[in-house]
Amino acid sequence: MNNEMILAFASTGLMVLSIAWMLVRTRASQRQVNELTQALIRLEDLVHAQNTGIKGIGSSLSGLQLRQQSVADRLEQLEQDSKLSSNAAVVSGSQVYRQAINLAVSGAEPAELAQRFGLSRGEAELMVSFHQLGEKVA
């Protein structure tokens, strides 16, 4: 064999080794591409799941806001109703006291005032004493 043939075989061998090396590297690269593609698919699934969860949380928050507003509206209505009721109670309470005072001036006994108008015994006695004292001064 001559030098030229040895060089040709060596060149051919180097080319075969180079091609084999390129195939090995290509397969390794393809494996990495496949792994990265699978990882990307998993990440896309996670992002989709998170978006779905966020939408659900948003819907829940909207529902809670509506319920909170409804409760706030009901509370405001109850406060307004309470003010009206307490104003009515003050008016009716002052009417009760006026009637009791009229009877006390007329000479009614404390027990009668307490029974008729739901006054405490002390309130009725004070009312009678005050109006009897007023008559003596006048």
Protein backbone atom coordinates (compact mmCIF):
# COMPACT_ATOMS: atom_id res chain seq x y z
CA MET A 1 0.00 0.00 0.00
CA ASN A 2 1.26 3.29 -0.78
CA ASN A 3 1.08 6.54 1.06
CA GLU A 4 -1.74 7.84 -1.03
CA MET A 5 -3.97 4.94 -0.18
CA ILE A 6 -3.16 5.25 3.50
CA LEU A 7 -4.03 8.92 3.33
CA ALA A 8 -7.28 8.14 1.51
CA PHE A 9 -8.24 5.53 4.13
CA ALA A 10 -7.31 7.90 6.94
CA SER A 11 -9.34 10.69 5.36
CA THR A 12 -12.28 8.38 4.87
CA GLY A 13 -11.97 7.15 8.45
CA LEU A 14 -11.87 10.71 9.74
CA MET A 15 -14.95 11.56 7.72
CA VAL A 16 -16.78 8.50 9.06
CA LEU A 17 -15.79 9.41 12.61
CA SER A 18 -16.87 13.02 12.04
CA ILE A 19 -20.22 11.91 10.67
CA ALA A 20 -20.69 9.48 13.57
CA TRP A 21 -19.81 12.24 16.04
CA MET A 22 -22.30 14.59 14.34
CA LEU A 23 -25.01 11.88 14.58
CA VAL A 24 -24.32 11.39 18.29
CA ARG A 25 -24.46 15.16 18.88
CA THR A 26 -27.62 15.46 16.75
CA ARG A 27 -29.35 12.71 18.76
CA ALA A 28 -28.30 14.33 22.06
CA SER A 29 -29.56 17.68 20.79
CA GLN A 30 -32.82 16.07 19.65
CA ARG A 31 -33.24 14.49 23.10
CA GLN A 32 -32.71 17.91 24.73
CA VAL A 33 -35.20 19.49 22.32
CA ASN A 34 -37.76 16.78 23.23
CA GLU A 35 -37.17 17.30 26.97
CA LEU A 36 -37.49 21.07 26.59
CA THR A 37 -40.67 20.63 24.52
CA GLN A 38 -42.19 18.44 27.26
CA ALA A 39 -41.18 20.98 29.93
CA LEU A 40 -42.78 23.75 27.85
CA ILE A 41 -46.01 21.76 27.55
CA ARG A 42 -46.07 21.24 31.35
CA LEU A 43 -45.50 24.97 31.90
CA GLU A 44 -48.30 25.84 29.49
CA ASP A 45 -50.62 23.48 31.40
CA LEU A 46 -49.63 25.13 34.69
CA VAL A 47 -50.23 28.62 33.27
CA HIS A 48 -53.64 27.52 31.99
CA ALA A 49 -54.54 26.05 35.39
CA GLN A 50 -53.42 29.25 37.14
CA ASN A 51 -55.46 31.41 34.75
CA THR A 52 -58.50 29.24 35.40
CA GLY A 53 -57.95 29.55 39.15
CA ILE A 54 -57.51 33.31 38.92
CA LYS A 55 -60.75 33.62 36.95
CA GLY A 56 -62.50 31.55 39.63
CA ILE A 57 -61.09 33.76 42.38
CA GLY A 58 -62.22 36.83 40.44
CA SER A 59 -65.74 35.43 40.19
CA SER A 60 -65.73 34.63 43.89
CA LEU A 61 -64.54 38.14 44.74
CA SER A 62 -67.26 39.65 42.57
CA GLY A 63 -69.84 37.54 44.38
CA LEU A 64 -68.45 38.59 47.77
CA GLN A 65 -68.50 42.25 46.74
CA LEU A 66 -72.17 41.94 45.74
CA ARG A 67 -73.02 40.25 49.04
CA GLN A 68 -71.06 42.87 51.01
CA GLN A 69 -72.92 45.66 49.20
CA SER A 70 -76.23 43.95 49.89
CA VAL A 71 -75.37 43.65 53.60
CA ALA A 72 -74.24 47.31 53.68
CA ASP A 73 -77.52 48.38 52.04
CA ARG A 74 -79.56 46.32 54.49
CA LEU A 75 -77.59 47.74 57.43
CA GLU A 76 -78.18 51.28 56.21
CA GLN A 77 -81.91 50.55 55.84
CA LEU A 78 -82.03 49.06 59.35
CA GLU A 79 -80.24 52.13 60.75
CA GLN A 80 -82.76 54.41 59.04
CA ASP A 81 -85.66 52.28 60.29
CA SER A 82 -84.13 52.33 63.78
CA LYS A 83 -83.88 56.12 63.74
CA LEU A 84 -87.51 56.38 62.68
CA SER A 85 -88.54 53.90 65.38
CA SER A 86 -86.57 55.67 68.08
CA ASN A 87 -88.02 59.02 67.02
CA ALA A 88 -91.51 57.48 67.18
CA ALA A 89 -90.68 55.99 70.60
CA VAL A 90 -89.55 59.42 71.84
CA VAL A 91 -92.76 61.00 70.60
CA SER A 92 -94.93 58.26 72.10
CA GLY A 93 -92.81 58.32 75.29
CA SER A 94 -93.29 62.07 75.65
CA GLN A 95 -97.04 61.61 75.13
CA VAL A 96 -97.08 59.02 77.92
CA TYR A 97 -95.29 61.44 80.25
CA ARG A 98 -97.68 64.28 79.33
CA GLN A 99 -100.67 62.11 80.15
CA ALA A 100 -99.07 60.96 83.40
CA ILE A 101 -98.29 64.58 84.34
CA ASN A 102 -101.90 65.57 83.64
CA LEU A 103 -103.12 62.81 85.94
CA ALA A 104 -100.53 63.71 88.58
CA VAL A 105 -101.74 67.32 88.49
CA SER A 106 -105.27 66.00 88.83
CA GLY A 107 -104.26 64.22 92.01
CA ALA A 108 -103.60 60.64 90.87
CA GLU A 109 -101.62 58.40 93.17
CA PRO A 110 -98.12 57.12 92.20
CA ALA A 111 -99.34 53.48 92.10
CA GLU A 112 -102.00 54.41 89.54
CA LEU A 113 -99.47 56.27 87.34
CA ALA A 114 -97.02 53.35 87.52
CA GLN A 115 -99.70 50.85 86.58
CA ARG A 116 -101.36 52.86 83.77
CA PHE A 117 -98.25 54.20 82.04
CA GLY A 118 -95.61 51.57 82.82
CA LEU A 119 -93.57 53.99 84.94
CA SER A 120 -91.31 52.79 87.69
CA ARG A 121 -92.55 53.37 91.21
CA GLY A 122 -89.80 55.97 91.73
CA GLU A 123 -90.73 57.88 88.52
CA ALA A 124 -94.38 57.95 89.50
CA GLU A 125 -93.62 59.16 93.05
CA LEU A 126 -91.25 61.84 91.76
CA MET A 127 -93.84 63.05 89.28
CA VAL A 128 -96.58 63.25 91.92
CA SER A 129 -94.26 64.93 94.45
CA PHE A 130 -93.05 67.48 91.90
CA HIS A 131 -96.55 68.46 90.81
CA GLN A 132 -97.90 68.53 94.37
CA LEU A 133 -94.98 70.77 95.34
CA GLY A 134 -95.74 72.97 92.32
CA GLU A 135 -99.33 73.42 93.50
CA LYS A 136 -98.18 74.41 97.02
CA VAL A 137 -95.76 77.01 95.67
CA ALA A 138 -98.32 78.46 93.32
